[in-house]
Amino acid sequence: MDAVRVALLREVLAGTEWLGAARRFAGALRGSVVSHGGGLLLVGTPEYEPWHLAAHLVDEAAWSGTPELAPTLVRHGARASDPAHLAVGLGRLAAARRGETLLVVSPRGPGAGLLERVHDARRAGATVLALGADGADGGELTAMAHESLGVPEGAELDLDTVQHLVSAAAGENVVPTPRGRRRLRDRLSQLMDELTAPPPAPW
């Protein structure tokens, strides 16, 4: 979904709670990865791996000048023979440490095995964010997460659409923390760069 389609989607959703909820969640995501700087781990379930969210976050990281948003996709079925960016398995969660951010995307609840790994990552100091179902297993994940955005089955928007809103919001209006006072010319120059930046490339 390109920038124009996201803009149209936002127009349709104006006045609903989804825009504010997506922006709050995206702000928590961006704030965690930028302030901690430890890296972003993205994991789904064995049945649902968030390929498109990973791709959109990579694009947003490039266009916004926020490399911290580019995630490491952690896969349940990763094999050593896969390309490097697809070969990161669940063992990476065991290595999660303080300063890292773990984003869990789960359409129907993560299941006990993944919940245990997420719990261990949180106990090791990682910041946990949850996006998706808030059913039986999802409720436990939501309780464990530092920030969550529920997308229950039967909601007005599906999980894929909410991921588009979150990734777009995570990359927008990203202004690096200034070191000292910046001149007005510097701020205007950055604003012009943001306004004239091309839309993200398609996945």
Foldseek 3Di string as FASTA:
>chain_A
DKPVVLVVVCVVCPPPCLLVQLLVLLVVVLCLLVVLVPAEEEEEAQVDFPPVLLQLQCLLCVLLVNVRSRHQGEHCPADPPDPPSRRHYLVVLLVAAASYEYEYEYAAAHDDVVLVSPLNNVVRHYAYEYEYACPDNNVVSCVSHPYYDYDHPPDPDHRVSSSVSNSVSNRPPDDPDDDPDDDPVVVVVVVVSSVPGGMGDHD
